[in-house]
Amino acid sequence: MGGQDSHLYLTGKGREYKKVLDFLGIFQVFLSIIELFLLSPMRGVLEMAMILLLNYALKNNSYRILVMYMLLIFKSTVDLLSELGLLIQKKIQGISIQQDTILYDDPTGFIVVLVLLILTFYAMANTFSFLLYREIKQQKYDMAQARNEDQEDRIIEEENKSQEDDEIVPNRHFAINESLSERISFGQRASLSE
C-alpha cells in the first residue's frame, strides 16, 4: 500500500532526513497533546493521525503516504494562519473574541506563541518531508533504471545468442546439403560406371 518499498536503501541524505523526521515526529506528539487540551480536541486528534501517517511513511519508505502527510500539514497550516489572522484582526479592531474559537482572548499571548511555534514546526516538517520524498523517488527511479538496463542487457544477450544460433544453423544445413550432394554425385558416378 502507498508506494512502499521497505527494502529500499536510502542514501546518506535520505537517512539524515529520516532521522530529522523521526525527531520531528516525537516533537509532534508533544504538540498534539498540547493542542488536544489547549486549542481544540479535534485538532489534537488530527495531529495524532498525522503522527501515525508519518510513522507509517518512515517505516515503509512510502512516498505516497508522505504526500498525504504533507497535504495534511498544508491544510493545518492554512487553518492556523486563517485563525491567527482573524485573531490579529479582532485585536486590532478591539473586538472581544468568543471563547469557542480556537484562539480565544489570551492576555498573556501564550496561545499566539504556541500557534507560531506550531507554524514553525509545520514549515520544518513539510520541508524535510519533501526532501525525503524526493530522495525516495530518486532511489525508485534509479532502481527502475537499473532494472531496465538489466532487461536491455538480457534482450541484447538473447539477440546475440539467436544471431549465433542463426549463424550455426545455416552451416549445419549447408553441411547436410553438401553431404547429400556428395551422395548424389557418388550415386551418379556409380550409375555411370555401370
Protein backbone atom coordinates (compact mmCIF):
# COMPACT_ATOMS: atom_id res chain seq x y z
CA MET A 1 0.00 0.00 0.00
CA GLY A 2 1.12 3.53 -0.65
CA GLY A 3 4.13 3.02 -2.90
CA GLN A 4 6.06 1.31 -0.18
CA ASP A 5 9.48 -0.21 -0.53
CA SER A 6 10.69 -1.16 2.92
CA HIS A 7 13.66 -2.88 1.25
CA LEU A 8 14.64 0.40 -0.41
CA TYR A 9 18.08 1.51 0.73
CA LEU A 10 18.26 5.25 1.21
CA THR A 11 21.32 7.36 0.57
CA GLY A 12 23.11 9.20 3.36
CA LYS A 13 20.96 12.28 2.82
CA GLY A 14 17.79 10.18 2.91
CA ARG A 15 18.81 8.61 6.21
CA GLU A 16 19.55 12.06 7.65
CA TYR A 17 16.15 13.37 6.56
CA LYS A 18 14.54 10.30 8.06
CA LYS A 19 16.29 10.90 11.40
CA VAL A 20 15.18 14.53 11.43
CA LEU A 21 11.60 13.47 10.67
CA ASP A 22 11.77 10.90 13.48
CA PHE A 23 12.75 13.70 15.87
CA LEU A 24 10.05 15.98 14.47
CA GLY A 25 7.54 13.14 14.94
CA ILE A 26 8.42 12.95 18.64
CA PHE A 27 8.08 16.72 18.90
CA GLN A 28 4.73 16.49 17.10
CA VAL A 29 3.48 14.08 19.79
CA PHE A 30 4.04 16.78 22.42
CA LEU A 31 2.42 19.40 20.21
CA SER A 32 -0.60 17.18 19.63
CA ILE A 33 -1.06 16.69 23.37
CA ILE A 34 -0.86 20.46 23.92
CA GLU A 35 -3.29 21.09 21.07
CA LEU A 36 -5.61 18.39 22.39
CA PHE A 37 -6.04 20.17 25.72
CA LEU A 38 -5.36 23.85 24.98
CA LEU A 39 -6.52 24.58 21.46
CA SER A 40 -9.04 22.06 20.20
CA PRO A 41 -9.63 18.35 20.79
CA MET A 42 -10.25 17.68 17.10
CA ARG A 43 -7.04 19.46 16.11
CA GLY A 44 -5.17 17.26 18.57
CA VAL A 45 -6.77 14.12 17.11
CA LEU A 46 -5.82 15.27 13.61
CA GLU A 47 -2.24 15.79 14.80
CA MET A 48 -2.17 12.26 16.20
CA ALA A 49 -3.45 10.89 12.89
CA MET A 50 -0.69 12.83 11.15
CA ILE A 51 1.85 11.26 13.51
CA LEU A 52 0.60 7.80 12.57
CA LEU A 53 0.87 8.65 8.86
CA LEU A 54 4.41 9.94 9.33
CA ASN A 55 5.40 6.85 11.30
CA TYR A 56 3.99 4.53 8.62
CA ALA A 57 5.67 6.51 5.83
CA LEU A 58 9.05 6.43 7.55
CA LYS A 59 8.84 2.76 8.45
CA ASN A 60 7.90 1.64 4.93
CA ASN A 61 9.62 4.34 2.83
CA SER A 62 6.23 5.18 1.36
CA TYR A 63 6.35 8.33 -0.71
CA ARG A 64 2.57 8.37 -1.26
CA ILE A 65 1.87 8.45 2.47
CA LEU A 66 4.48 11.20 2.80
CA VAL A 67 2.50 13.20 0.24
CA MET A 68 -0.67 12.69 2.30
CA TYR A 69 1.22 13.86 5.39
CA MET A 70 2.44 16.97 3.57
CA LEU A 71 -1.09 17.76 2.37
CA LEU A 72 -2.45 17.46 5.92
CA ILE A 73 0.30 19.75 7.17
CA PHE A 74 -0.58 22.25 4.45
CA LYS A 75 -4.28 22.08 5.42
CA SER A 76 -3.47 22.60 9.10
CA THR A 77 -1.15 25.48 8.23
CA VAL A 78 -3.88 27.23 6.26
CA ASP A 79 -6.35 26.70 9.12
CA LEU A 80 -3.97 28.10 11.73
CA LEU A 81 -2.98 31.05 9.56
CA SER A 82 -6.61 31.97 8.97
CA GLU A 83 -7.40 31.76 12.69
CA LEU A 84 -4.28 33.74 13.55
CA GLY A 85 -5.26 36.40 11.00
CA LEU A 86 -8.75 36.54 12.49
CA LEU A 87 -7.28 36.93 15.97
CA ILE A 88 -4.98 39.76 14.89
CA GLN A 89 -7.79 41.50 13.02
CA LYS A 90 -10.12 41.35 16.01
CA LYS A 91 -7.41 42.54 18.40
CA ILE A 92 -6.64 45.49 16.13
CA GLN A 93 -10.33 46.38 15.93
CA GLY A 94 -10.74 45.93 19.68
CA ILE A 95 -13.49 43.32 19.34
CA SER A 96 -13.66 40.71 22.07
CA ILE A 97 -13.09 37.18 20.85
CA GLN A 98 -15.53 34.43 21.72
CA GLN A 99 -14.34 31.60 23.95
CA ASP A 100 -15.44 28.90 21.49
CA THR A 101 -12.85 29.89 18.90
CA ILE A 102 -9.51 28.15 19.00
CA LEU A 103 -7.55 31.31 19.63
CA TYR A 104 -9.55 32.84 22.43
CA ASP A 105 -8.66 36.12 24.07
CA ASP A 106 -5.46 35.40 25.94
CA PRO A 107 -3.92 38.34 27.79
CA THR A 108 -0.53 36.62 28.16
CA GLY A 109 -0.19 35.82 24.45
CA PHE A 110 0.66 32.17 25.17
CA ILE A 111 -1.76 30.90 22.53
CA VAL A 112 -0.28 33.17 19.85
CA VAL A 113 3.23 31.99 20.73
CA LEU A 114 2.01 28.38 20.64
CA VAL A 115 0.44 28.89 17.21
CA LEU A 116 3.63 30.49 15.90
CA LEU A 117 5.62 27.55 17.28
CA ILE A 118 3.25 25.11 15.58
CA LEU A 119 3.52 27.01 12.29
CA THR A 120 7.32 26.90 12.52
CA PHE A 121 7.13 23.18 13.18
CA TYR A 122 4.83 22.71 10.17
CA ALA A 123 7.28 24.54 7.92
CA MET A 124 10.17 22.34 9.08
CA ALA A 125 8.18 19.12 8.86
CA ASN A 126 6.91 19.94 5.38
CA THR A 127 10.40 20.83 4.16
CA PHE A 128 12.03 17.65 5.43
CA SER A 129 9.09 15.54 4.26
CA PHE A 130 9.52 16.94 0.78
CA LEU A 131 13.27 16.32 0.84
CA LEU A 132 12.73 12.71 1.95
CA TYR A 133 10.02 12.30 -0.69
CA ARG A 134 12.48 13.48 -3.33
CA GLU A 135 15.15 11.04 -2.09
CA ILE A 136 12.74 8.08 -2.11
CA LYS A 137 11.52 8.94 -5.61
CA GLN A 138 15.12 9.26 -6.83
CA GLN A 139 16.00 5.86 -5.37
CA LYS A 140 12.94 4.30 -7.01
CA TYR A 141 13.87 5.92 -10.33
CA ASP A 142 17.44 4.62 -10.06
CA MET A 143 16.17 1.13 -9.25
CA ALA A 144 13.82 1.23 -12.24
CA GLN A 145 16.65 2.38 -14.50
CA ALA A 146 18.85 -0.46 -13.24
CA ARG A 147 16.04 -2.94 -13.89
CA ASN A 148 15.57 -1.53 -17.40
CA GLU A 149 19.30 -1.76 -18.07
CA ASP A 150 19.30 -5.37 -16.84
CA GLN A 151 16.38 -6.15 -19.11
CA GLU A 152 18.09 -4.44 -22.03
CA ASP A 153 21.26 -6.45 -21.33
CA ARG A 154 19.23 -9.68 -21.27
CA ILE A 155 17.49 -8.75 -24.53
CA ILE A 156 20.83 -7.96 -26.19
CA GLU A 157 22.28 -11.26 -24.92
CA GLU A 158 19.27 -13.15 -26.27
CA GLU A 159 19.56 -11.39 -29.63
CA ASN A 160 23.28 -12.18 -29.79
CA LYS A 161 22.57 -15.77 -28.85
CA SER A 162 19.86 -16.06 -31.52
CA GLN A 163 22.22 -14.50 -34.09
CA GLU A 164 24.88 -17.05 -33.16
CA ASP A 165 22.29 -19.80 -33.49
CA ASP A 166 21.28 -18.41 -36.88
CA GLU A 167 24.92 -18.47 -37.96
CA ILE A 168 25.30 -22.05 -36.79
CA VAL A 169 22.09 -23.31 -38.34
CA PRO A 170 22.92 -22.36 -41.97
CA ASN A 171 26.31 -24.04 -41.62
CA ARG A 172 24.64 -27.19 -40.39
CA HIS A 173 22.15 -27.09 -43.27
CA PHE A 174 24.99 -26.45 -45.66
CA ALA A 175 26.84 -29.46 -44.28
CA ILE A 176 23.75 -31.61 -44.69
CA ASN A 177 23.21 -30.34 -48.24
CA GLU A 178 26.87 -30.91 -49.04
CA SER A 179 26.76 -34.49 -47.83
CA LEU A 180 23.59 -35.09 -49.86
CA SER A 181 25.20 -33.68 -52.97
CA GLU A 182 28.21 -35.92 -52.38
CA ARG A 183 25.93 -38.93 -52.07
CA ILE A 184 24.05 -37.93 -55.20
CA SER A 185 27.25 -37.37 -57.13
CA PHE A 186 28.63 -40.65 -55.82
CA GLY A 187 25.38 -42.33 -56.88
CA GLN A 188 25.61 -40.74 -60.30
CA ARG A 189 29.21 -41.83 -60.66
CA ALA A 190 28.24 -45.32 -59.65
CA SER A 191 25.45 -45.40 -62.21
CA LEU A 192 27.75 -44.03 -64.90
CA SER A 193 30.37 -46.63 -64.20
CA GLU A 194 27.82 -49.42 -64.71
